[in-house]
Amino acid sequence: MSSYQRREQLIRIGRSLFASKGFEAVSVEEIAATAKVSKPIVYEHFGGKEGLYAVVVDREMRALNDALFQALSGENVHPRQIVERTTLALLTYIEENAEGFQVLVRDSPTTDPTSSFSSLLGDVSTRVGEILEEWFKRQKLPAKHAPYYAQMLVGMTVYTGQYWADQRKLSKEQLAALIVNLAWNGLSRMEAKPALRFEGEKARKERERAAKDEPQSAPTSEESEDDGADGAVTASSDPTS
């Protein structure tokens, strides 16, 4: 086996082990034993477990980054098509790179101050926010809210994708249609000034104001008769009468 082939073998083995166990639970000994090589071979190629993990993550990040940003590119594309493209791009990556996706969504090493996957999602959210901002302006919606909606859309899609990775009861396109249904129908019916209707301080004050404005109901005839009877009893029992 050539040096290149050995390196690729170790990368495949490392990706599989990191996906199933997580970074912290995998040792150089296990990597070497699975590849049927000595530990020095692993150190020779990657300098240790951290180096191998970094190579695996870098490859997966580049593959996912290329897929997502290609989906987000294009001029004069309908916003719904952008939502559909991006959703399908993520789900296709998960479908074709199941182990790589598990590596990305698992906890990063304690020595890694930042999560590469979180960083990528931040970049994707920024791009989605830019697209939404332009669309919001055309729809006369507050553009300043676009970054928040972008985070919601990306987060919803990613976490649904994680669930789907373990629960493959729907096809990729069936799940994409569900995500787009919720995302797009929410976007297309957006209110310029959204407000809570049942919970929160403003809703409570509205209920109190409505209660004060309600007219007081007049007493019924039975209630009037009862009041008169009570008055008669009180008067007849007065010792001074």
Protein backbone atom coordinates (compact mmCIF):
# COMPACT_ATOMS: atom_id res chain seq x y z
CA MET A 1 0.00 0.00 0.00
CA SER A 2 1.41 3.38 -1.01
CA SER A 3 1.78 6.26 1.44
CA TYR A 4 -1.18 8.04 -0.18
CA GLN A 5 -3.37 4.94 0.04
CA ARG A 6 -2.41 4.44 3.69
CA ARG A 7 -3.26 8.04 4.48
CA GLU A 8 -6.67 7.72 2.80
CA GLN A 9 -7.31 4.49 4.69
CA LEU A 10 -6.56 6.15 8.01
CA ILE A 11 -8.84 9.06 7.13
CA ARG A 12 -11.72 6.68 6.35
CA ILE A 13 -11.15 4.75 9.57
CA GLY A 14 -10.83 7.92 11.61
CA ARG A 15 -14.04 9.35 10.16
CA SER A 16 -15.93 6.15 10.99
CA LEU A 17 -14.62 5.99 14.56
CA PHE A 18 -15.15 9.69 15.28
CA ALA A 19 -18.69 9.43 13.89
CA SER A 20 -19.65 6.47 16.06
CA LYS A 21 -17.82 7.35 19.28
CA GLY A 22 -16.91 11.02 19.23
CA PHE A 23 -13.45 12.55 19.36
CA GLU A 24 -12.71 12.05 23.06
CA ALA A 25 -13.59 8.33 23.10
CA VAL A 26 -11.28 7.40 20.21
CA SER A 27 -7.60 6.64 20.83
CA VAL A 28 -4.59 6.40 18.54
CA GLU A 29 -4.29 2.76 19.62
CA GLU A 30 -7.80 2.03 18.33
CA ILE A 31 -7.16 3.83 15.05
CA ALA A 32 -3.94 1.89 14.50
CA ALA A 33 -5.50 -1.44 15.49
CA THR A 34 -8.45 -0.94 13.14
CA ALA A 35 -6.08 -0.10 10.29
CA LYS A 36 -3.77 -2.98 11.32
CA VAL A 37 -0.74 -0.73 11.53
CA SER A 38 1.50 0.41 14.36
CA LYS A 39 0.86 3.66 16.23
CA PRO A 40 3.96 5.36 14.76
CA ILE A 41 2.30 5.15 11.31
CA VAL A 42 -0.61 7.25 12.56
CA TYR A 43 1.78 9.77 14.11
CA GLU A 44 3.84 9.84 10.93
CA HIS A 45 0.87 10.84 8.77
CA PHE A 46 -1.08 13.11 11.13
CA GLY A 47 1.01 13.83 14.22
CA GLY A 48 -1.66 12.28 16.44
CA LYS A 49 -5.39 11.93 16.89
CA GLU A 50 -5.95 15.69 16.77
CA GLY A 51 -4.28 15.97 13.37
CA LEU A 52 -6.38 13.16 11.91
CA TYR A 53 -9.56 14.68 13.30
CA ALA A 54 -8.67 18.07 11.80
CA VAL A 55 -8.20 16.53 8.35
CA VAL A 56 -11.53 14.67 8.57
CA VAL A 57 -13.41 17.80 9.67
CA ASP A 58 -11.73 19.96 7.01
CA ARG A 59 -12.79 17.59 4.24
CA GLU A 60 -16.38 17.40 5.43
CA MET A 61 -16.57 21.15 5.92
CA ARG A 62 -15.36 21.83 2.39
CA ALA A 63 -17.85 19.35 0.92
CA LEU A 64 -20.79 20.81 2.85
CA ASN A 65 -19.68 24.40 2.30
CA ASP A 66 -19.47 23.88 -1.47
CA ALA A 67 -22.92 22.26 -1.57
CA LEU A 68 -24.65 24.94 0.50
CA PHE A 69 -23.10 27.98 -1.12
CA GLN A 70 -23.76 26.62 -4.58
CA ALA A 71 -27.42 26.31 -3.56
CA LEU A 72 -27.38 29.90 -2.30
CA SER A 73 -25.87 31.31 -5.49
CA GLY A 74 -27.62 32.64 -8.56
CA GLU A 75 -29.13 35.90 -9.74
CA ASN A 76 -32.86 36.67 -9.89
CA VAL A 77 -33.81 33.41 -8.21
CA HIS A 78 -37.18 33.21 -6.46
CA PRO A 79 -36.73 33.11 -2.66
CA ARG A 80 -38.74 29.89 -2.42
CA GLN A 81 -36.35 28.24 -4.85
CA ILE A 82 -33.46 29.30 -2.61
CA VAL A 83 -35.19 27.66 0.38
CA GLU A 84 -35.80 24.48 -1.62
CA ARG A 85 -32.25 24.36 -3.00
CA THR A 86 -30.58 24.89 0.36
CA THR A 87 -32.78 22.36 2.14
CA LEU A 88 -32.12 19.71 -0.50
CA ALA A 89 -28.39 20.50 -0.50
CA LEU A 90 -28.12 19.83 3.23
CA LEU A 91 -30.24 16.68 3.11
CA THR A 92 -28.27 15.37 0.12
CA TYR A 93 -25.03 15.89 2.02
CA ILE A 94 -26.46 14.01 5.03
CA GLU A 95 -27.67 11.19 2.77
CA GLU A 96 -24.36 10.80 0.96
CA ASN A 97 -22.01 11.56 3.87
CA ALA A 98 -23.72 10.10 6.93
CA GLU A 99 -20.49 9.53 8.87
CA GLY A 100 -19.09 12.92 7.94
CA PHE A 101 -22.25 14.65 9.14
CA GLN A 102 -22.10 12.79 12.46
CA VAL A 103 -18.51 13.98 12.92
CA LEU A 104 -19.55 17.59 12.31
CA VAL A 105 -22.53 17.63 14.66
CA ARG A 106 -20.80 15.81 17.52
CA ASP A 107 -19.05 17.81 20.22
CA SER A 108 -15.76 19.34 19.15
CA PRO A 109 -12.54 18.44 21.00
CA THR A 110 -12.09 20.28 24.29
CA THR A 111 -8.89 21.73 22.83
CA ASP A 112 -10.82 23.33 19.97
CA PRO A 113 -11.96 26.83 21.09
CA THR A 114 -14.53 27.10 18.30
CA SER A 115 -16.79 24.69 16.47
CA SER A 116 -16.04 24.54 12.76
CA PHE A 117 -19.59 23.39 12.06
CA SER A 118 -21.06 26.28 14.05
CA SER A 119 -18.79 28.63 12.15
CA LEU A 120 -20.04 27.26 8.84
CA LEU A 121 -23.66 27.59 9.94
CA GLY A 122 -22.92 31.17 10.92
CA ASP A 123 -21.62 31.88 7.41
CA VAL A 124 -24.65 30.20 5.84
CA SER A 125 -27.00 32.18 8.10
CA THR A 126 -25.29 35.41 7.07
CA ARG A 127 -25.81 34.61 3.38
CA VAL A 128 -29.44 33.60 3.96
CA GLY A 129 -29.91 36.83 5.92
CA GLU A 130 -28.62 38.87 2.97
CA ILE A 131 -31.09 37.18 0.64
CA LEU A 132 -33.96 37.67 3.07
CA GLU A 133 -33.05 41.32 3.60
CA GLU A 134 -33.44 42.08 -0.10
CA TRP A 135 -36.71 40.19 -0.25
CA PHE A 136 -38.03 41.89 2.91
CA LYS A 137 -37.37 45.29 1.37
CA ARG A 138 -39.41 44.37 -1.70
CA GLN A 139 -42.22 43.08 0.55
CA LYS A 140 -42.04 46.21 2.75
CA LEU A 141 -41.09 44.17 5.81
CA PRO A 142 -38.54 45.30 8.44
CA ALA A 143 -35.18 44.34 6.94
CA LYS A 144 -33.50 44.62 10.36
CA HIS A 145 -35.23 41.38 11.37
CA ALA A 146 -33.76 39.37 8.47
CA PRO A 147 -30.73 38.01 10.42
CA TYR A 148 -33.02 36.57 13.09
CA TYR A 149 -35.25 34.85 10.57
CA ALA A 150 -32.14 33.51 8.82
CA GLN A 151 -30.94 31.91 12.06
CA MET A 152 -34.39 30.36 12.56
CA LEU A 153 -34.47 28.88 9.06
CA VAL A 154 -30.96 27.44 9.20
CA GLY A 155 -31.39 26.10 12.73
CA MET A 156 -34.73 24.49 11.91
CA THR A 157 -33.32 22.79 8.83
CA VAL A 158 -30.14 21.54 10.50
CA TYR A 159 -31.83 20.09 13.58
CA THR A 160 -34.51 18.45 11.45
CA GLY A 161 -31.70 17.01 9.34
CA GLN A 162 -30.05 15.60 12.46
CA TYR A 163 -33.29 13.91 13.45
CA TRP A 164 -33.74 12.53 9.92
CA ALA A 165 -30.20 11.14 9.95
CA ASP A 166 -31.34 8.70 12.66
CA GLN A 167 -35.00 8.36 11.59
CA ARG A 168 -35.07 7.70 7.84
CA LYS A 169 -38.82 7.12 7.60
CA LEU A 170 -39.26 9.77 4.91
CA SER A 171 -37.44 10.19 1.64
CA LYS A 172 -35.14 13.15 1.19
CA GLU A 173 -37.62 14.99 -1.01
CA GLN A 174 -40.56 14.23 1.30
CA LEU A 175 -38.69 15.75 4.24
CA ALA A 176 -37.53 18.71 2.14
CA ALA A 177 -41.16 19.38 1.21
CA LEU A 178 -42.16 19.43 4.89
CA ILE A 179 -39.37 21.84 5.80
CA VAL A 180 -40.15 24.13 2.87
CA ASN A 181 -43.86 23.98 3.68
CA LEU A 182 -43.26 25.34 7.18
CA ALA A 183 -40.49 27.75 6.22
CA TRP A 184 -42.00 29.23 3.07
CA ASN A 185 -45.60 29.48 4.24
CA GLY A 186 -44.29 31.27 7.31
CA LEU A 187 -42.21 33.67 5.21
CA SER A 188 -44.93 34.36 2.65
CA ARG A 189 -47.47 35.32 5.34
CA MET A 190 -45.15 37.39 7.45
CA GLU A 191 -46.58 40.28 9.45
CA ALA A 192 -44.78 43.62 9.37
CA LYS A 193 -45.44 44.11 13.08
CA PRO A 194 -45.67 40.67 14.70
CA ALA A 195 -47.05 40.44 18.22
CA LEU A 196 -47.96 37.78 20.76
CA ARG A 197 -51.73 37.34 20.91
CA PHE A 198 -52.20 35.22 24.01
CA GLU A 199 -49.03 35.49 26.11
CA GLY A 200 -46.75 38.32 27.20
CA GLU A 201 -47.20 41.73 28.80
CA LYS A 202 -48.87 43.40 25.83
CA ALA A 203 -51.42 40.60 25.45
CA ARG A 204 -52.21 40.77 29.18
CA LYS A 205 -52.85 44.51 29.01
CA GLU A 206 -55.11 44.05 25.99
CA ARG A 207 -57.20 41.51 27.91
CA GLU A 208 -57.47 43.82 30.91
CA ARG A 209 -58.51 46.73 28.68
CA ALA A 210 -61.13 44.59 26.95
CA ALA A 211 -62.51 43.43 30.31
CA LYS A 212 -62.91 47.04 31.48
CA ASP A 213 -64.68 48.03 28.28
CA GLU A 214 -67.26 45.24 28.55
CA PRO A 215 -70.72 46.62 29.59
CA GLN A 216 -72.01 45.41 32.96
CA SER A 217 -74.99 43.08 32.48
CA ALA A 218 -78.34 44.24 34.00
CA PRO A 219 -79.77 42.10 36.85
CA THR A 220 -82.41 39.56 35.87
CA SER A 221 -86.03 39.76 37.08
CA GLU A 222 -85.43 36.85 39.45
CA GLU A 223 -82.45 38.65 41.01
CA SER A 224 -84.63 41.80 41.48
CA GLU A 225 -87.40 39.81 43.18
CA ASP A 226 -84.86 38.12 45.44
CA ASP A 227 -83.42 41.50 46.43
CA GLY A 228 -86.94 42.79 47.27
CA ALA A 229 -87.74 39.74 49.35
CA ASP A 230 -84.49 40.09 51.25
CA GLY A 231 -85.31 43.73 51.97
CA ALA A 232 -88.80 42.82 53.26
CA VAL A 233 -87.43 40.22 55.62
CA THR A 234 -84.89 42.66 56.94
CA ALA A 235 -87.52 45.36 57.51
CA SER A 236 -90.00 43.07 59.33
CA SER A 237 -87.31 41.80 61.62
CA ASP A 238 -86.29 45.29 62.71
CA PRO A 239 -87.37 45.63 66.42
CA THR A 240 -87.83 49.39 66.06
CA SER A 241 -90.52 49.11 63.35
